[in-house]
Amino acid sequence: MIRSIAFVSSRPNADGSADWRYEIHVMDALGEMGPLAGATRLTTDSADDSGWSPADSHVTWSPDGTRLAFLSSGRGTERDACDLWVMDAVDVNGTASGTACSD
């Protein structure tokens, strides 16, 4: 049984600096409440020179609970495209970001 939740949120970086992009996060479903309590950010999209970056939405779990599927606008080669992406549901390599992201 999955005991974690996946969600899209616009929140500051772990160090408190501003970063209000819509990113994918996961956390223990029974974890603490609060703006940064126990949540791990799995997508981190850098802004371009104009301040624009991809927006993630509609996250859902794979049947076995190991991967996440989500929609992302602007992540692929076309800025206006909205594509379906899949990635690991955990921070596999310790970089505070999901790995094996593919469309």
N, C-alpha and C. Protein backbone atom coordinates (compact mmCIF):
# COMPACT_ATOMS: atom_id res chain seq x y z
N MET A 1 0.84 -1.18 0.00
CA MET A 1 0.00 0.00 0.00
C MET A 1 0.89 1.25 0.00
N ILE A 2 0.56 2.21 -0.84
CA ILE A 2 1.32 3.46 -0.92
C ILE A 2 1.05 4.29 0.33
N ARG A 3 2.10 4.71 0.97
CA ARG A 3 1.96 5.53 2.17
C ARG A 3 2.55 6.92 1.97
N SER A 4 2.70 7.28 0.72
CA SER A 4 3.20 8.61 0.38
C SER A 4 2.19 9.29 -0.51
N ILE A 5 2.26 10.61 -0.53
CA ILE A 5 1.44 11.37 -1.46
C ILE A 5 2.36 12.11 -2.42
N ALA A 6 1.90 12.27 -3.63
CA ALA A 6 2.60 13.08 -4.63
C ALA A 6 1.70 14.27 -4.92
N PHE A 7 2.31 15.43 -5.07
CA PHE A 7 1.52 16.64 -5.30
C PHE A 7 2.33 17.67 -6.07
N VAL A 8 1.63 18.62 -6.64
CA VAL A 8 2.26 19.75 -7.32
C VAL A 8 2.12 20.95 -6.40
N SER A 9 3.22 21.66 -6.22
CA SER A 9 3.18 22.81 -5.33
C SER A 9 4.15 23.87 -5.80
N SER A 10 3.83 25.08 -5.48
CA SER A 10 4.70 26.22 -5.71
C SER A 10 5.16 26.68 -4.33
N ARG A 11 6.41 26.42 -3.99
CA ARG A 11 6.92 26.70 -2.65
C ARG A 11 8.38 27.13 -2.72
N PRO A 12 8.89 27.73 -1.66
CA PRO A 12 10.29 28.17 -1.68
C PRO A 12 11.25 26.99 -1.66
N ASN A 13 12.49 27.26 -1.98
CA ASN A 13 13.55 26.25 -1.89
C ASN A 13 13.77 25.86 -0.43
N ALA A 14 14.44 24.74 -0.20
CA ALA A 14 14.70 24.27 1.16
C ALA A 14 15.50 25.28 1.98
N ASP A 15 16.32 26.08 1.31
CA ASP A 15 17.10 27.09 2.04
C ASP A 15 16.32 28.38 2.29
N GLY A 16 15.03 28.40 1.87
CA GLY A 16 14.18 29.56 2.09
C GLY A 16 14.18 30.57 0.97
N SER A 17 15.07 30.41 -0.01
CA SER A 17 15.10 31.36 -1.12
C SER A 17 13.87 31.18 -2.01
N ALA A 18 13.48 32.23 -2.66
CA ALA A 18 12.27 32.22 -3.49
C ALA A 18 12.44 31.35 -4.73
N ASP A 19 11.45 30.53 -5.01
CA ASP A 19 11.40 29.71 -6.22
C ASP A 19 9.96 29.25 -6.35
N TRP A 20 9.13 30.02 -6.97
CA TRP A 20 7.69 29.77 -6.98
C TRP A 20 7.21 29.10 -8.25
N ARG A 21 8.02 28.18 -8.79
CA ARG A 21 7.60 27.40 -9.95
C ARG A 21 6.77 26.20 -9.48
N TYR A 22 5.88 25.69 -10.35
CA TYR A 22 5.10 24.50 -10.02
C TYR A 22 5.95 23.27 -10.25
N GLU A 23 6.25 22.55 -9.17
CA GLU A 23 7.13 21.39 -9.18
C GLU A 23 6.44 20.20 -8.53
N ILE A 24 6.93 18.97 -8.84
CA ILE A 24 6.41 17.74 -8.26
C ILE A 24 7.12 17.47 -6.93
N HIS A 25 6.35 17.13 -5.90
CA HIS A 25 6.88 16.80 -4.58
C HIS A 25 6.27 15.48 -4.12
N VAL A 26 6.96 14.77 -3.24
CA VAL A 26 6.40 13.61 -2.56
C VAL A 26 6.69 13.75 -1.07
N MET A 27 5.81 13.15 -0.26
CA MET A 27 6.02 13.13 1.18
C MET A 27 5.24 11.99 1.80
N ASP A 28 5.61 11.59 3.00
CA ASP A 28 4.90 10.57 3.75
C ASP A 28 3.48 11.07 3.99
N ALA A 29 2.50 10.23 3.73
CA ALA A 29 1.10 10.62 3.88
C ALA A 29 0.74 10.95 5.32
N LEU A 30 1.51 10.45 6.27
CA LEU A 30 1.25 10.72 7.69
C LEU A 30 2.24 11.70 8.27
N GLY A 31 2.96 12.42 7.40
CA GLY A 31 4.01 13.33 7.84
C GLY A 31 3.48 14.60 8.48
N GLU A 32 4.42 15.43 8.91
CA GLU A 32 4.10 16.70 9.55
C GLU A 32 3.52 17.68 8.55
N MET A 33 2.76 18.63 9.04
CA MET A 33 2.21 19.68 8.21
C MET A 33 3.14 20.89 8.25
N GLY A 34 3.08 21.71 7.23
CA GLY A 34 3.89 22.91 7.19
C GLY A 34 4.42 23.13 5.79
N PRO A 35 4.94 24.32 5.50
CA PRO A 35 5.34 24.65 4.14
C PRO A 35 6.44 23.77 3.56
N LEU A 36 7.34 23.24 4.36
CA LEU A 36 8.42 22.41 3.84
C LEU A 36 8.56 21.08 4.57
N ALA A 37 7.66 20.77 5.47
CA ALA A 37 7.78 19.58 6.33
C ALA A 37 7.79 18.29 5.54
N GLY A 38 8.93 17.63 5.52
CA GLY A 38 9.05 16.30 4.97
C GLY A 38 8.85 16.12 3.47
N ALA A 39 8.65 17.17 2.73
CA ALA A 39 8.42 17.04 1.29
C ALA A 39 9.74 17.04 0.53
N THR A 40 9.87 16.13 -0.43
CA THR A 40 11.03 16.09 -1.30
C THR A 40 10.62 16.56 -2.68
N ARG A 41 11.29 17.57 -3.18
CA ARG A 41 11.02 18.06 -4.53
C ARG A 41 11.65 17.11 -5.53
N LEU A 42 10.87 16.64 -6.51
CA LEU A 42 11.38 15.71 -7.51
C LEU A 42 11.60 16.35 -8.88
N THR A 43 11.05 17.53 -9.10
CA THR A 43 11.36 18.25 -10.33
C THR A 43 11.92 19.61 -9.93
N THR A 44 12.93 20.04 -10.62
CA THR A 44 13.54 21.34 -10.40
C THR A 44 13.86 21.91 -11.77
N ASP A 45 13.05 22.83 -12.19
CA ASP A 45 13.21 23.39 -13.53
C ASP A 45 13.77 24.79 -13.46
N SER A 46 14.87 25.01 -14.12
CA SER A 46 15.50 26.32 -14.14
C SER A 46 14.75 27.26 -15.07
N ALA A 47 14.72 28.51 -14.68
CA ALA A 47 14.10 29.53 -15.51
C ALA A 47 15.08 29.99 -16.59
N ASP A 48 14.53 30.39 -17.74
CA ASP A 48 15.40 30.95 -18.77
C ASP A 48 15.65 32.43 -18.46
N ASP A 49 16.29 33.15 -19.36
CA ASP A 49 16.65 34.54 -19.12
C ASP A 49 15.44 35.44 -18.90
N SER A 50 14.27 35.06 -19.45
CA SER A 50 13.07 35.87 -19.28
C SER A 50 12.31 35.51 -18.00
N GLY A 51 12.76 34.48 -17.27
CA GLY A 51 12.09 34.06 -16.05
C GLY A 51 11.08 32.94 -16.25
N TRP A 52 10.91 32.48 -17.49
CA TRP A 52 9.96 31.42 -17.81
C TRP A 52 10.57 30.05 -17.55
N SER A 53 9.76 29.11 -17.05
CA SER A 53 10.20 27.73 -16.88
C SER A 53 9.02 26.79 -17.06
N PRO A 54 9.27 25.50 -17.27
CA PRO A 54 8.18 24.53 -17.43
C PRO A 54 7.27 24.50 -16.21
N ALA A 55 6.01 24.11 -16.42
CA ALA A 55 5.04 23.96 -15.33
C ALA A 55 4.55 22.53 -15.29
N ASP A 56 4.62 21.89 -14.13
CA ASP A 56 4.20 20.51 -13.96
C ASP A 56 2.81 20.46 -13.34
N SER A 57 2.02 19.42 -13.69
CA SER A 57 0.68 19.28 -13.15
C SER A 57 0.20 17.84 -13.27
N HIS A 58 -0.93 17.54 -12.67
CA HIS A 58 -1.64 16.27 -12.81
C HIS A 58 -0.75 15.05 -12.54
N VAL A 59 -0.15 15.03 -11.38
CA VAL A 59 0.74 13.92 -11.02
C VAL A 59 -0.08 12.73 -10.52
N THR A 60 0.34 11.51 -10.89
CA THR A 60 -0.32 10.29 -10.44
C THR A 60 0.71 9.16 -10.30
N TRP A 61 0.41 8.19 -9.46
CA TRP A 61 1.31 7.06 -9.20
C TRP A 61 1.16 5.97 -10.24
N SER A 62 2.25 5.25 -10.50
CA SER A 62 2.17 4.02 -11.30
C SER A 62 1.50 2.95 -10.43
N PRO A 63 0.94 1.90 -11.03
CA PRO A 63 0.27 0.86 -10.24
C PRO A 63 1.17 0.23 -9.17
N ASP A 64 2.47 0.10 -9.43
CA ASP A 64 3.36 -0.52 -8.44
C ASP A 64 3.95 0.49 -7.44
N GLY A 65 3.63 1.77 -7.59
CA GLY A 65 4.08 2.78 -6.65
C GLY A 65 5.53 3.20 -6.76
N THR A 66 6.21 2.81 -7.82
CA THR A 66 7.63 3.16 -7.95
C THR A 66 7.89 4.35 -8.86
N ARG A 67 6.91 4.73 -9.66
CA ARG A 67 7.10 5.82 -10.62
C ARG A 67 5.93 6.77 -10.57
N LEU A 68 6.15 7.97 -11.09
CA LEU A 68 5.11 8.98 -11.19
C LEU A 68 4.93 9.38 -12.64
N ALA A 69 3.70 9.60 -13.03
CA ALA A 69 3.40 10.16 -14.34
C ALA A 69 2.84 11.56 -14.10
N PHE A 70 3.17 12.50 -14.99
CA PHE A 70 2.67 13.86 -14.82
C PHE A 70 2.67 14.58 -16.16
N LEU A 71 1.88 15.64 -16.22
CA LEU A 71 1.89 16.51 -17.39
C LEU A 71 2.86 17.65 -17.14
N SER A 72 3.53 18.06 -18.19
CA SER A 72 4.43 19.20 -18.09
C SER A 72 4.34 20.02 -19.36
N SER A 73 4.12 21.30 -19.19
CA SER A 73 4.11 22.19 -20.35
C SER A 73 5.47 22.84 -20.48
N GLY A 74 6.03 22.74 -21.66
CA GLY A 74 7.31 23.39 -21.95
C GLY A 74 8.54 22.61 -21.58
N ARG A 75 8.42 21.37 -21.15
CA ARG A 75 9.59 20.59 -20.76
C ARG A 75 10.31 19.99 -21.97
N GLY A 76 9.58 19.71 -23.04
CA GLY A 76 10.17 19.10 -24.22
C GLY A 76 10.81 20.15 -25.12
N THR A 77 10.86 19.86 -26.39
CA THR A 77 11.52 20.76 -27.33
C THR A 77 10.66 21.97 -27.69
N GLU A 78 9.35 21.87 -27.51
CA GLU A 78 8.45 22.99 -27.83
C GLU A 78 7.96 23.65 -26.56
N ARG A 79 8.18 24.93 -26.41
CA ARG A 79 7.78 25.66 -25.21
C ARG A 79 6.28 25.57 -24.94
N ASP A 80 5.45 25.56 -25.99
CA ASP A 80 4.00 25.55 -25.83
C ASP A 80 3.41 24.15 -25.74
N ALA A 81 4.23 23.11 -25.86
CA ALA A 81 3.74 21.74 -25.84
C ALA A 81 3.41 21.29 -24.41
N CYS A 82 2.42 20.42 -24.31
CA CYS A 82 2.08 19.79 -23.04
C CYS A 82 2.24 18.29 -23.24
N ASP A 83 3.19 17.69 -22.54
CA ASP A 83 3.54 16.28 -22.74
C ASP A 83 3.37 15.48 -21.45
N LEU A 84 3.21 14.17 -21.61
CA LEU A 84 3.15 13.24 -20.50
C LEU A 84 4.57 12.74 -20.21
N TRP A 85 4.98 12.80 -18.95
CA TRP A 85 6.31 12.39 -18.54
C TRP A 85 6.21 11.34 -17.44
N VAL A 86 7.23 10.52 -17.29
CA VAL A 86 7.30 9.50 -16.24
C VAL A 86 8.67 9.59 -15.60
N MET A 87 8.72 9.45 -14.25
CA MET A 87 10.00 9.47 -13.54
C MET A 87 9.91 8.61 -12.29
N ASP A 88 11.06 8.29 -11.71
CA ASP A 88 11.10 7.56 -10.45
C ASP A 88 10.40 8.38 -9.37
N ALA A 89 9.74 7.69 -8.45
CA ALA A 89 8.99 8.36 -7.38
C ALA A 89 9.84 8.65 -6.15
N VAL A 90 11.12 8.35 -6.22
CA VAL A 90 12.03 8.61 -5.10
C VAL A 90 13.26 9.34 -5.61
N ASP A 91 13.97 9.95 -4.68
CA ASP A 91 15.22 10.63 -4.99
C ASP A 91 16.33 9.58 -4.98
N VAL A 92 16.49 8.87 -6.08
CA VAL A 92 17.40 7.72 -6.17
C VAL A 92 18.85 8.10 -5.93
N ASN A 93 19.30 9.21 -6.48
CA ASN A 93 20.72 9.54 -6.42
C ASN A 93 21.08 10.62 -5.39
N GLY A 94 20.15 10.98 -4.52
CA GLY A 94 20.46 11.92 -3.44
C GLY A 94 20.63 13.36 -3.86
N THR A 95 20.11 13.74 -5.02
CA THR A 95 20.26 15.11 -5.50
C THR A 95 19.01 15.96 -5.26
N ALA A 96 18.04 15.42 -4.51
CA ALA A 96 16.76 16.09 -4.26
C ALA A 96 16.01 16.34 -5.56
N SER A 97 16.14 15.40 -6.48
CA SER A 97 15.37 15.47 -7.71
C SER A 97 15.12 14.05 -8.22
N GLY A 98 13.99 13.88 -8.88
CA GLY A 98 13.66 12.57 -9.45
C GLY A 98 14.62 12.23 -10.57
N THR A 99 14.73 10.95 -10.87
CA THR A 99 15.64 10.53 -11.92
C THR A 99 14.88 9.76 -12.98
N ALA A 100 15.52 9.51 -14.06
CA ALA A 100 14.97 8.74 -15.18
C ALA A 100 13.70 9.37 -15.72
N CYS A 101 13.69 10.68 -15.83
CA CYS A 101 12.54 11.40 -16.37
C CYS A 101 12.52 11.22 -17.88
N SER A 102 11.41 10.76 -18.43
CA SER A 102 11.30 10.57 -19.87
C SER A 102 9.89 10.82 -20.34
N ASP A 103 9.76 11.21 -21.61
CA ASP A 103 8.43 11.44 -22.17
C ASP A 103 7.99 10.26 -23.00
